[in-house]
Amino acid sequence: MNTFTEYEDAAAALSLNLDKYTVDGLPIYYCLGVAGESGELVDKVKKAWRNNSQINIYETLKEVGDVLWYLTMIARFFNSSLQEVAELNINKLRDRATRLVIVGEGDNR
């Protein structure tokens, strides 16, 4: 795959129509998936840190991929794309950096 669009299309083909699981119009299955897979990612880092051992980069990146898949499905659920999400994020961070509030707390700082 050369682009995020190609990735998104391939990921969507494997979605098994799980976007039907919604609560109040939100893609609950995908949101819970992000939480679960993020937890698995963090657990790998935690165990490597606790055991003072090398992290298995390949296994860790597979968890990052699982998080990416769920994020892709959320973006598509809202008729968006990873490209748009990435652009929104960079624009938000650039705005915060310009206003010298990139470090801090709160969504709308």
PDB file of N, CA and C in Angstrom:
ATOM      1  N   MET A   1       0.833  -1.182   0.000  1.00  0.00           N
ATOM      2  CA  MET A   1       0.000   0.000   0.000  1.00  0.00           C
ATOM      3  C   MET A   1       0.878   1.245   0.000  1.00  0.00           C
ATOM      4  N   ASN A   2       0.499   2.193  -0.813  1.00  0.00           N
ATOM      5  CA  ASN A   2       1.293   3.409  -0.942  1.00  0.00           C
ATOM      6  C   ASN A   2       0.669   4.619  -0.265  1.00  0.00           C
ATOM      7  N   THR A   3      -0.620   4.571   0.002  1.00  0.00           N
ATOM      8  CA  THR A   3      -1.275   5.741   0.573  1.00  0.00           C
ATOM      9  C   THR A   3      -2.222   5.319   1.686  1.00  0.00           C
ATOM     10  N   PHE A   4      -2.593   6.295   2.507  1.00  0.00           N
ATOM     11  CA  PHE A   4      -3.591   6.027   3.528  1.00  0.00           C
ATOM     12  C   PHE A   4      -4.932   5.660   2.896  1.00  0.00           C
ATOM     13  N   THR A   5      -5.237   6.235   1.754  1.00  0.00           N
ATOM     14  CA  THR A   5      -6.502   5.904   1.096  1.00  0.00           C
ATOM     15  C   THR A   5      -6.553   4.421   0.760  1.00  0.00           C
ATOM     16  N   GLU A   6      -5.455   3.888   0.241  1.00  0.00           N
ATOM     17  CA  GLU A   6      -5.397   2.456  -0.053  1.00  0.00           C
ATOM     18  C   GLU A   6      -5.539   1.644   1.231  1.00  0.00           C
ATOM     19  N   TYR A   7      -4.878   2.082   2.296  1.00  0.00           N
ATOM     20  CA  TYR A   7      -5.008   1.398   3.588  1.00  0.00           C
ATOM     21  C   TYR A   7      -6.459   1.433   4.062  1.00  0.00           C
ATOM     22  N   GLU A   8      -7.072   2.605   4.014  1.00  0.00           N
ATOM     23  CA  GLU A   8      -8.450   2.756   4.483  1.00  0.00           C
ATOM     24  C   GLU A   8      -9.399   1.842   3.720  1.00  0.00           C
ATOM     25  N   ASP A   9      -9.227   1.765   2.410  1.00  0.00           N
ATOM     26  CA  ASP A   9     -10.086   0.896   1.603  1.00  0.00           C
ATOM     27  C   ASP A   9      -9.882  -0.569   1.980  1.00  0.00           C
ATOM     28  N   ALA A  10      -8.629  -0.976   2.171  1.00  0.00           N
ATOM     29  CA  ALA A  10      -8.342  -2.360   2.559  1.00  0.00           C
ATOM     30  C   ALA A  10      -8.884  -2.652   3.952  1.00  0.00           C
ATOM     31  N   ALA A  11      -8.726  -1.703   4.864  1.00  0.00           N
ATOM     32  CA  ALA A  11      -9.227  -1.880   6.229  1.00  0.00           C
ATOM     33  C   ALA A  11     -10.742  -1.977   6.239  1.00  0.00           C
ATOM     34  N   ALA A  12     -11.396  -1.132   5.461  1.00  0.00           N
ATOM     35  CA  ALA A  12     -12.860  -1.132   5.412  1.00  0.00           C
ATOM     36  C   ALA A  12     -13.391  -2.451   4.872  1.00  0.00           C
ATOM     37  N   ALA A  13     -12.648  -3.061   3.956  1.00  0.00           N
ATOM     38  CA  ALA A  13     -13.071  -4.345   3.409  1.00  0.00           C
ATOM     39  C   ALA A  13     -13.079  -5.430   4.478  1.00  0.00           C
ATOM     40  N   LEU A  14     -12.380  -5.191   5.570  1.00  0.00           N
ATOM     41  CA  LEU A  14     -12.300  -6.155   6.667  1.00  0.00           C
ATOM     42  C   LEU A  14     -13.125  -5.734   7.869  1.00  0.00           C
ATOM     43  N   SER A  15     -14.019  -4.780   7.686  1.00  0.00           N
ATOM     44  CA  SER A  15     -14.756  -4.217   8.814  1.00  0.00           C
ATOM     45  C   SER A  15     -15.895  -5.090   9.302  1.00  0.00           C
ATOM     46  N   LEU A  16     -16.352  -6.034   8.501  1.00  0.00           N
ATOM     47  CA  LEU A  16     -17.436  -6.946   8.863  1.00  0.00           C
ATOM     48  C   LEU A  16     -18.714  -6.214   9.265  1.00  0.00           C
ATOM     49  N   ASN A  17     -18.894  -5.010   8.737  1.00  0.00           N
ATOM     50  CA  ASN A  17     -20.095  -4.207   9.021  1.00  0.00           C
ATOM     51  C   ASN A  17     -20.311  -3.985  10.518  1.00  0.00           C
ATOM     52  N   LEU A  18     -19.238  -3.815  11.242  1.00  0.00           N
ATOM     53  CA  LEU A  18     -19.341  -3.609  12.686  1.00  0.00           C
ATOM     54  C   LEU A  18     -19.800  -2.206  13.050  1.00  0.00           C
ATOM     55  N   ASP A  19     -19.944  -1.337  12.035  1.00  0.00           N
ATOM     56  CA  ASP A  19     -20.426   0.015  12.312  1.00  0.00           C
ATOM     57  C   ASP A  19     -21.909   0.023  12.682  1.00  0.00           C
ATOM     58  N   LYS A  20     -22.551  -1.117  12.628  1.00  0.00           N
ATOM     59  CA  LYS A  20     -23.961  -1.189  13.037  1.00  0.00           C
ATOM     60  C   LYS A  20     -24.099  -1.137  14.554  1.00  0.00           C
ATOM     61  N   TYR A  21     -23.001  -1.339  15.272  1.00  0.00           N
ATOM     62  CA  TYR A  21     -23.040  -1.290  16.729  1.00  0.00           C
ATOM     63  C   TYR A  21     -22.801   0.146  17.182  1.00  0.00           C
ATOM     64  N   THR A  22     -23.897   0.849  17.400  1.00  0.00           N
ATOM     65  CA  THR A  22     -23.804   2.251  17.787  1.00  0.00           C
ATOM     66  C   THR A  22     -24.603   2.483  19.066  1.00  0.00           C
ATOM     67  N   VAL A  23     -24.222   3.520  19.770  1.00  0.00           N
ATOM     68  CA  VAL A  23     -24.978   4.001  20.929  1.00  0.00           C
ATOM     69  C   VAL A  23     -25.126   5.503  20.740  1.00  0.00           C
ATOM     70  N   ASP A  24     -26.348   5.966  20.676  1.00  0.00           N
ATOM     71  CA  ASP A  24     -26.637   7.382  20.455  1.00  0.00           C
ATOM     72  C   ASP A  24     -25.911   7.923  19.220  1.00  0.00           C
ATOM     73  N   GLY A  25     -25.839   7.119  18.172  1.00  0.00           N
ATOM     74  CA  GLY A  25     -25.228   7.559  16.921  1.00  0.00           C
ATOM     75  C   GLY A  25     -23.720   7.524  16.908  1.00  0.00           C
ATOM     76  N   LEU A  26     -23.110   6.943  17.943  1.00  0.00           N
ATOM     77  CA  LEU A  26     -21.653   6.853  18.010  1.00  0.00           C
ATOM     78  C   LEU A  26     -21.207   5.416  17.744  1.00  0.00           C
ATOM     79  N   PRO A  27     -20.078   5.252  17.065  1.00  0.00           N
ATOM     80  CA  PRO A  27     -19.607   3.907  16.720  1.00  0.00           C
ATOM     81  C   PRO A  27     -18.965   3.218  17.931  1.00  0.00           C
ATOM     82  N   ILE A  28     -19.801   2.719  18.825  1.00  0.00           N
ATOM     83  CA  ILE A  28     -19.326   2.209  20.106  1.00  0.00           C
ATOM     84  C   ILE A  28     -18.329   1.059  19.961  1.00  0.00           C
ATOM     85  N   TYR A  29     -18.572   0.155  19.026  1.00  0.00           N
ATOM     86  CA  TYR A  29     -17.661  -0.975  18.857  1.00  0.00           C
ATOM     87  C   TYR A  29     -16.251  -0.489  18.521  1.00  0.00           C
ATOM     88  N   TYR A  30     -16.163   0.467  17.596  1.00  0.00           N
ATOM     89  CA  TYR A  30     -14.849   0.965  17.190  1.00  0.00           C
ATOM     90  C   TYR A  30     -14.179   1.771  18.307  1.00  0.00           C
ATOM     91  N   CYS A  31     -14.968   2.554  19.028  1.00  0.00           N
ATOM     92  CA  CYS A  31     -14.399   3.336  20.128  1.00  0.00           C
ATOM     93  C   CYS A  31     -13.864   2.420  21.226  1.00  0.00           C
ATOM     94  N   LEU A  32     -14.630   1.401  21.553  1.00  0.00           N
ATOM     95  CA  LEU A  32     -14.155   0.437  22.547  1.00  0.00           C
ATOM     96  C   LEU A  32     -12.927  -0.314  22.033  1.00  0.00           C
ATOM     97  N   GLY A  33     -12.896  -0.548  20.734  1.00  0.00           N
ATOM     98  CA  GLY A  33     -11.727  -1.202  20.136  1.00  0.00           C
ATOM     99  C   GLY A  33     -10.465  -0.376  20.289  1.00  0.00           C
ATOM    100  N   VAL A  34     -10.571   0.936  20.098  1.00  0.00           N
ATOM    101  CA  VAL A  34      -9.410   1.818  20.298  1.00  0.00           C
ATOM    102  C   VAL A  34      -8.914   1.688  21.731  1.00  0.00           C
ATOM    103  N   ALA A  35      -9.840   1.704  22.675  1.00  0.00           N
ATOM    104  CA  ALA A  35      -9.457   1.606  24.089  1.00  0.00           C
ATOM    105  C   ALA A  35      -8.785   0.272  24.380  1.00  0.00           C
ATOM    106  N   GLY A  36      -9.374  -0.802  23.877  1.00  0.00           N
ATOM    107  CA  GLY A  36      -8.812  -2.122  24.134  1.00  0.00           C
ATOM    108  C   GLY A  36      -7.435  -2.308  23.522  1.00  0.00           C
ATOM    109  N   GLU A  37      -7.299  -1.936  22.271  1.00  0.00           N
ATOM    110  CA  GLU A  37      -6.007  -2.102  21.596  1.00  0.00           C
ATOM    111  C   GLU A  37      -4.953  -1.143  22.148  1.00  0.00           C
ATOM    112  N   SER A  38      -5.371   0.060  22.534  1.00  0.00           N
ATOM    113  CA  SER A  38      -4.427   0.986  23.178  1.00  0.00           C
ATOM    114  C   SER A  38      -3.937   0.385  24.486  1.00  0.00           C
ATOM    115  N   GLY A  39      -4.847  -0.270  25.194  1.00  0.00           N
ATOM    116  CA  GLY A  39      -4.464  -0.940  26.433  1.00  0.00           C
ATOM    117  C   GLY A  39      -3.443  -2.039  26.186  1.00  0.00           C
ATOM    118  N   GLU A  40      -3.629  -2.810  25.125  1.00  0.00           N
ATOM    119  CA  GLU A  40      -2.661  -3.863  24.796  1.00  0.00           C
ATOM    120  C   GLU A  40      -1.305  -3.262  24.450  1.00  0.00           C
ATOM    121  N   LEU A  41      -1.317  -2.154  23.721  1.00  0.00           N
ATOM    122  CA  LEU A  41      -0.076  -1.462  23.381  1.00  0.00           C
ATOM    123  C   LEU A  41       0.646  -0.992  24.639  1.00  0.00           C
ATOM    124  N   VAL A  42      -0.085  -0.341  25.511  1.00  0.00           N
ATOM    125  CA  VAL A  42       0.499   0.177  26.750  1.00  0.00           C
ATOM    126  C   VAL A  42       0.995  -0.974  27.628  1.00  0.00           C
ATOM    127  N   ASP A  43       0.280  -2.083  27.628  1.00  0.00           N
ATOM    128  CA  ASP A  43       0.682  -3.228  28.438  1.00  0.00           C
ATOM    129  C   ASP A  43       2.027  -3.786  27.982  1.00  0.00           C
ATOM    130  N   LYS A  44       2.266  -3.818  26.684  1.00  0.00           N
ATOM    131  CA  LYS A  44       3.567  -4.279  26.176  1.00  0.00           C
ATOM    132  C   LYS A  44       4.684  -3.357  26.658  1.00  0.00           C
ATOM    133  N   VAL A  45       4.439  -2.057  26.604  1.00  0.00           N
ATOM    134  CA  VAL A  45       5.444  -1.092  27.072  1.00  0.00           C
ATOM    135  C   VAL A  45       5.652  -1.238  28.579  1.00  0.00           C
ATOM    136  N   LYS A  46       4.549  -1.377  29.313  1.00  0.00           N
ATOM    137  CA  LYS A  46       4.618  -1.522  30.773  1.00  0.00           C
ATOM    138  C   LYS A  46       5.460  -2.734  31.164  1.00  0.00           C
ATOM    139  N   LYS A  47       5.215  -3.856  30.514  1.00  0.00           N
ATOM    140  CA  LYS A  47       5.935  -5.078  30.868  1.00  0.00           C
ATOM    141  C   LYS A  47       7.418  -4.976  30.544  1.00  0.00           C
ATOM    142  N   ALA A  48       7.744  -4.358  29.422  1.00  0.00           N
ATOM    143  CA  ALA A  48       9.157  -4.161  29.085  1.00  0.00           C
ATOM    144  C   ALA A  48       9.814  -3.255  30.114  1.00  0.00           C
ATOM    145  N   TRP A  49       9.124  -2.205  30.514  1.00  0.00           N
ATOM    146  CA  TRP A  49       9.661  -1.277  31.523  1.00  0.00           C
ATOM    147  C   TRP A  49       9.813  -1.973  32.870  1.00  0.00           C
ATOM    148  N   ARG A  50       8.757  -2.690  33.269  1.00  0.00           N
ATOM    149  CA  ARG A  50       8.782  -3.388  34.561  1.00  0.00           C
ATOM    150  C   ARG A  50       9.912  -4.407  34.616  1.00  0.00           C
ATOM    151  N   ASN A  51      10.104  -5.145  33.540  1.00  0.00           N
ATOM    152  CA  ASN A  51      11.104  -6.202  33.501  1.00  0.00           C
ATOM    153  C   ASN A  51      12.479  -5.713  33.078  1.00  0.00           C
ATOM    154  N   ASN A  52      12.584  -4.397  32.837  1.00  0.00           N
ATOM    155  CA  ASN A  52      13.840  -3.813  32.382  1.00  0.00           C
ATOM    156  C   ASN A  52      14.380  -4.597  31.181  1.00  0.00           C
ATOM    157  N   SER A  53      13.476  -4.859  30.227  1.00  0.00           N
ATOM    158  CA  SER A  53      13.843  -5.656  29.067  1.00  0.00           C
ATOM    159  C   SER A  53      13.577  -4.879  27.787  1.00  0.00           C
ATOM    160  N   GLN A  54      14.080  -5.409  26.707  1.00  0.00           N
ATOM    161  CA  GLN A  54      13.860  -4.794  25.399  1.00  0.00           C
ATOM    162  C   GLN A  54      12.421  -5.022  24.969  1.00  0.00           C
ATOM    163  N   ILE A  55      11.839  -3.999  24.411  1.00  0.00           N
ATOM    164  CA  ILE A  55      10.482  -4.148  23.900  1.00  0.00           C
ATOM    165  C   ILE A  55      10.556  -4.846  22.548  1.00  0.00           C
ATOM    166  N   ASN A  56       9.597  -5.700  22.283  1.00  0.00           N
ATOM    167  CA  ASN A  56       9.515  -6.367  20.999  1.00  0.00           C
ATOM    168  C   ASN A  56       8.867  -5.375  20.026  1.00  0.00           C
ATOM    169  N   ILE A  57       9.681  -4.765  19.201  1.00  0.00           N
ATOM    170  CA  ILE A  57       9.207  -3.699  18.325  1.00  0.00           C
ATOM    171  C   ILE A  57       8.154  -4.218  17.353  1.00  0.00           C
ATOM    172  N   TYR A  58       8.373  -5.389  16.781  1.00  0.00           N
ATOM    173  CA  TYR A  58       7.421  -5.944  15.815  1.00  0.00           C
ATOM    174  C   TYR A  58       6.055  -6.151  16.452  1.00  0.00           C
ATOM    175  N   GLU A  59       6.016  -6.773  17.611  1.00  0.00           N
ATOM    176  CA  GLU A  59       4.743  -7.020  18.295  1.00  0.00           C
ATOM    177  C   GLU A  59       4.077  -5.709  18.714  1.00  0.00           C
ATOM    178  N   THR A  60       4.887  -4.749  19.120  1.00  0.00           N
ATOM    179  CA  THR A  60       4.351  -3.453  19.516  1.00  0.00           C
ATOM    180  C   THR A  60       3.753  -2.728  18.317  1.00  0.00           C
ATOM    181  N   LEU A  61       4.431  -2.770  17.192  1.00  0.00           N
ATOM    182  CA  LEU A  61       3.912  -2.119  15.988  1.00  0.00           C
ATOM    183  C   LEU A  61       2.638  -2.799  15.493  1.00  0.00           C
ATOM    184  N   LYS A  62       2.504  -4.088  15.722  1.00  0.00           N
ATOM    185  CA  LYS A  62       1.250  -4.755  15.361  1.00  0.00           C
ATOM    186  C   LYS A  62       0.087  -4.190  16.182  1.00  0.00           C
ATOM    187  N   GLU A  63       0.343  -3.880  17.457  1.00  0.00           N
ATOM    188  CA  GLU A  63      -0.700  -3.261  18.288  1.00  0.00           C
ATOM    189  C   GLU A  63      -1.015  -1.848  17.795  1.00  0.00           C
ATOM    190  N   VAL A  64       0.020  -1.110  17.399  1.00  0.00           N
ATOM    191  CA  VAL A  64      -0.199   0.222  16.821  1.00  0.00           C
ATOM    192  C   VAL A  64      -1.090   0.090  15.582  1.00  0.00           C
ATOM    193  N   GLY A  65      -0.853  -0.932  14.782  1.00  0.00           N
ATOM    194  CA  GLY A  65      -1.684  -1.174  13.604  1.00  0.00           C
ATOM    195  C   GLY A  65      -3.127  -1.462  13.964  1.00  0.00           C
ATOM    196  N   ASP A  66      -3.329  -2.210  15.051  1.00  0.00           N
ATOM    197  CA  ASP A  66      -4.700  -2.485  15.484  1.00  0.00           C
ATOM    198  C   ASP A  66      -5.409  -1.197  15.900  1.00  0.00           C
ATOM    199  N   VAL A  67      -4.681  -0.321  16.606  1.00  0.00           N
ATOM    200  CA  VAL A  67      -5.259   0.975  16.980  1.00  0.00           C
ATOM    201  C   VAL A  67      -5.586   1.771  15.722  1.00  0.00           C
ATOM    202  N   LEU A  68      -4.679   1.757  14.762  1.00  0.00           N
ATOM    203  CA  LEU A  68      -4.894   2.478  13.506  1.00  0.00           C
ATOM    204  C   LEU A  68      -6.139   1.978  12.780  1.00  0.00           C
ATOM    205  N   TRP A  69      -6.357   0.672  12.787  1.00  0.00           N
ATOM    206  CA  TRP A  69      -7.534   0.120  12.116  1.00  0.00           C
ATOM    207  C   TRP A  69      -8.811   0.669  12.745  1.00  0.00           C
ATOM    208  N   TYR A  70      -8.884   0.644  14.069  1.00  0.00           N
ATOM    209  CA  TYR A  70     -10.083   1.161  14.735  1.00  0.00           C
ATOM    210  C   TYR A  70     -10.260   2.657  14.491  1.00  0.00           C
ATOM    211  N   LEU A  71      -9.170   3.413  14.527  1.00  0.00           N
ATOM    212  CA  LEU A  71      -9.266   4.847  14.247  1.00  0.00           C
ATOM    213  C   LEU A  71      -9.745   5.099  12.820  1.00  0.00           C
ATOM    214  N   THR A  72      -9.275   4.279  11.897  1.00  0.00           N
ATOM    215  CA  THR A  72      -9.718   4.382  10.510  1.00  0.00           C
ATOM    216  C   THR A  72     -11.215   4.149  10.401  1.00  0.00           C
ATOM    217  N   MET A  73     -11.701   3.147  11.113  1.00  0.00           N
ATOM    218  CA  MET A  73     -13.127   2.843  11.058  1.00  0.00           C
ATOM    219  C   MET A  73     -13.961   3.974  11.669  1.00  0.00           C
ATOM    220  N   ILE A  74     -13.455   4.604  12.714  1.00  0.00           N
ATOM    221  CA  ILE A  74     -14.165   5.743  13.312  1.00  0.00           C
ATOM    222  C   ILE A  74     -14.217   6.906  12.321  1.00  0.00           C
ATOM    223  N   ALA A  75     -13.080   7.207  11.701  1.00  0.00           N
ATOM    224  CA  ALA A  75     -13.056   8.295  10.714  1.00  0.00           C
ATOM    225  C   ALA A  75     -14.043   8.012   9.582  1.00  0.00           C
ATOM    226  N   ARG A  76     -14.044   6.803   9.080  1.00  0.00           N
ATOM    227  CA  ARG A  76     -14.954   6.453   7.979  1.00  0.00           C
ATOM    228  C   ARG A  76     -16.411   6.507   8.432  1.00  0.00           C
ATOM    229  N   PHE A  77     -16.664   6.122   9.674  1.00  0.00           N
ATOM    230  CA  PHE A  77     -18.026   6.182  10.208  1.00  0.00           C
ATOM    231  C   PHE A  77     -18.569   7.599  10.104  1.00  0.00           C
ATOM    232  N   PHE A  78     -17.692   8.575  10.339  1.00  0.00           N
ATOM    233  CA  PHE A  78     -18.077   9.981  10.274  1.00  0.00           C
ATOM    234  C   PHE A  78     -17.804  10.594   8.899  1.00  0.00           C
ATOM    235  N   ASN A  79     -17.703   9.736   7.889  1.00  0.00           N
ATOM    236  CA  ASN A  79     -17.461  10.166   6.502  1.00  0.00           C
ATOM    237  C   ASN A  79     -16.221  11.039   6.389  1.00  0.00           C
ATOM    238  N   SER A  80     -15.181  10.641   7.093  1.00  0.00           N
ATOM    239  CA  SER A  80     -13.919  11.361   7.065  1.00  0.00           C
ATOM    240  C   SER A  80     -12.826  10.380   6.648  1.00  0.00           C
ATOM    241  N   SER A  81     -11.589  10.819   6.776  1.00  0.00           N
ATOM    242  CA  SER A  81     -10.447   9.991   6.393  1.00  0.00           C
ATOM    243  C   SER A  81      -9.287  10.269   7.335  1.00  0.00           C
ATOM    244  N   LEU A  82      -8.296   9.385   7.298  1.00  0.00           N
ATOM    245  CA  LEU A  82      -7.096   9.619   8.093  1.00  0.00           C
ATOM    246  C   LEU A  82      -6.396  10.898   7.649  1.00  0.00           C
ATOM    247  N   GLN A  83      -6.445  11.170   6.351  1.00  0.00           N
ATOM    248  CA  GLN A  83      -5.861  12.415   5.830  1.00  0.00           C
ATOM    249  C   GLN A  83      -6.503  13.620   6.488  1.00  0.00           C
ATOM    250  N   GLU A  84      -7.828  13.646   6.523  1.00  0.00           N
ATOM    251  CA  GLU A  84      -8.530  14.775   7.127  1.00  0.00           C
ATOM    252  C   GLU A  84      -8.250  14.864   8.627  1.00  0.00           C
ATOM    253  N   VAL A  85      -8.260  13.733   9.295  1.00  0.00           N
ATOM    254  CA  VAL A  85      -7.978  13.721  10.736  1.00  0.00           C
ATOM    255  C   VAL A  85      -6.570  14.244  11.005  1.00  0.00           C
ATOM    256  N   ALA A  86      -5.607  13.801  10.196  1.00  0.00           N
ATOM    257  CA  ALA A  86      -4.226  14.252  10.359  1.00  0.00           C
ATOM    258  C   ALA A  86      -4.108  15.761  10.134  1.00  0.00           C
ATOM    259  N   GLU A  87      -4.781  16.268   9.112  1.00  0.00           N
ATOM    260  CA  GLU A  87      -4.746  17.706   8.829  1.00  0.00           C
ATOM    261  C   GLU A  87      -5.395  18.506   9.952  1.00  0.00           C
ATOM    262  N   LEU A  88      -6.530  18.037  10.454  1.00  0.00           N
ATOM    263  CA  LEU A  88      -7.187  18.717  11.580  1.00  0.00           C
ATOM    264  C   LEU A  88      -6.262  18.781  12.784  1.00  0.00           C
ATOM    265  N   ASN A  89      -5.576  17.680  13.053  1.00  0.00           N
ATOM    266  CA  ASN A  89      -4.698  17.615  14.209  1.00  0.00           C
ATOM    267  C   ASN A  89      -3.513  18.561  14.071  1.00  0.00           C
ATOM    268  N   ILE A  90      -2.872  18.564  12.914  1.00  0.00           N
ATOM    269  CA  ILE A  90      -1.717  19.447  12.700  1.00  0.00           C
ATOM    270  C   ILE A  90      -2.144  20.906  12.768  1.00  0.00           C
ATOM    271  N   ASN A  91      -3.288  21.233  12.182  1.00  0.00           N
ATOM    272  CA  ASN A  91      -3.774  22.614  12.245  1.00  0.00           C
ATOM    273  C   ASN A  91      -4.039  23.029  13.690  1.00  0.00           C
ATOM    274  N   LYS A  92      -4.628  22.151  14.478  1.00  0.00           N
ATOM    275  CA  LYS A  92      -4.887  22.450  15.889  1.00  0.00           C
ATOM    276  C   LYS A  92      -3.571  22.676  16.636  1.00  0.00           C
ATOM    277  N   LEU A  93      -2.598  21.788  16.412  1.00  0.00           N
ATOM    278  CA  LEU A  93      -1.316  21.914  17.114  1.00  0.00           C
ATOM    279  C   LEU A  93      -0.550  23.161  16.683  1.00  0.00           C
ATOM    280  N   ARG A  94      -0.584  23.473  15.399  1.00  0.00           N
ATOM    281  CA  ARG A  94       0.086  24.692  14.916  1.00  0.00           C
ATOM    282  C   ARG A  94      -0.545  25.937  15.537  1.00  0.00           C
ATOM    283  N   ASP A  95      -1.870  25.938  15.622  1.00  0.00           N
ATOM    284  CA  ASP A  95      -2.569  27.062  16.240  1.00  0.00           C
ATOM    285  C   ASP A  95      -2.154  27.208  17.706  1.00  0.00           C
ATOM    286  N   ARG A  96      -2.102  26.109  18.415  1.00  0.00           N
ATOM    287  CA  ARG A  96      -1.683  26.161  19.820  1.00  0.00           C
ATOM    288  C   ARG A  96      -0.240  26.626  19.954  1.00  0.00           C
ATOM    289  N   ALA A  97       0.620  26.142  19.065  1.00  0.00           N
ATOM    290  CA  ALA A  97       2.028  26.552  19.116  1.00  0.00           C
ATOM    291  C   ALA A  97       2.159  28.049  18.864  1.00  0.00           C
ATOM    292  N   THR A  98       1.400  28.564  17.903  1.00  0.00           N
ATOM    293  CA  THR A  98       1.422  29.994  17.591  1.00  0.00           C
ATOM    294  C   THR A  98       0.986  30.818  18.796  1.00  0.00           C
ATOM    295  N   ARG A  99      -0.003  30.321  19.511  1.00  0.00           N
ATOM    296  CA  ARG A  99      -0.523  31.034  20.680  1.00  0.00           C
ATOM    297  C   ARG A  99       0.214  30.663  21.973  1.00  0.00           C
ATOM    298  N   LEU A 100       1.271  29.847  21.845  1.00  0.00           N
ATOM    299  CA  LEU A 100       2.106  29.435  22.983  1.00  0.00           C
ATOM    300  C   LEU A 100       1.316  28.682  24.063  1.00  0.00           C
ATOM    301  N   VAL A 101       0.349  27.877  23.620  1.00  0.00           N
ATOM    302  CA  VAL A 101      -0.434  27.074  24.561  1.00  0.00           C
ATOM    303  C   VAL A 101      -0.394  25.589  24.164  1.00  0.00           C
ATOM    304  N   ILE A 102       0.662  25.189  23.458  1.00  0.00           N
ATOM    305  CA  ILE A 102       0.755  23.793  23.028  1.00  0.00           C
ATOM    306  C   ILE A 102       0.936  22.881  24.233  1.00  0.00           C
ATOM    307  N   VAL A 103       1.563  23.380  25.282  1.00  0.00           N
ATOM    308  CA  VAL A 103       1.676  22.636  26.544  1.00  0.00           C
ATOM    309  C   VAL A 103       0.622  23.181  27.478  1.00  0.00           C
ATOM    310  N   GLY A 104      -0.157  22.315  28.027  1.00  0.00           N
ATOM    311  CA  GLY A 104      -1.206  22.755  28.930  1.00  0.00           C
ATOM    312  C   GLY A 104      -2.319  21.741  28.958  1.00  0.00           C
ATOM    313  N   GLU A 105      -3.438  22.145  29.470  1.00  0.00           N
ATOM    314  CA  GLU A 105      -4.563  21.227  29.579  1.00  0.00           C
ATOM    315  C   GLU A 105      -5.829  21.863  29.012  1.00  0.00           C
ATOM    316  N   GLY A 106      -6.730  21.011  28.605  1.00  0.00           N
ATOM    317  CA  GLY A 106      -8.003  21.479  28.069  1.00  0.00           C
ATOM    318  C   GLY A 106      -8.061  21.357  26.570  1.00  0.00           C
ATOM    319  N   ASP A 107      -9.222  20.971  26.080  1.00  0.00           N
ATOM    320  CA  ASP A 107      -9.393  20.773  24.632  1.00  0.00           C
ATOM    321  C   ASP A 107      -9.336  22.069  23.859  1.00  0.00           C
ATOM    322  N   ASN A 108      -9.901  23.119  24.396  1.00  0.00           N
ATOM    323  CA  ASN A 108     -10.032  24.380  23.665  1.00  0.00           C
ATOM    324  C   ASN A 108      -9.138  25.470  24.229  1.00  0.00           C
ATOM    325  N   ARG A 109      -7.864  25.158  24.393  1.00  0.00           N
ATOM    326  CA  ARG A 109      -6.947  26.159  24.921  1.00  0.00           C
ATOM    327  C   ARG A 109      -6.335  26.966  23.807  1.00  0.00           C
TER     328      ARG A 109
END
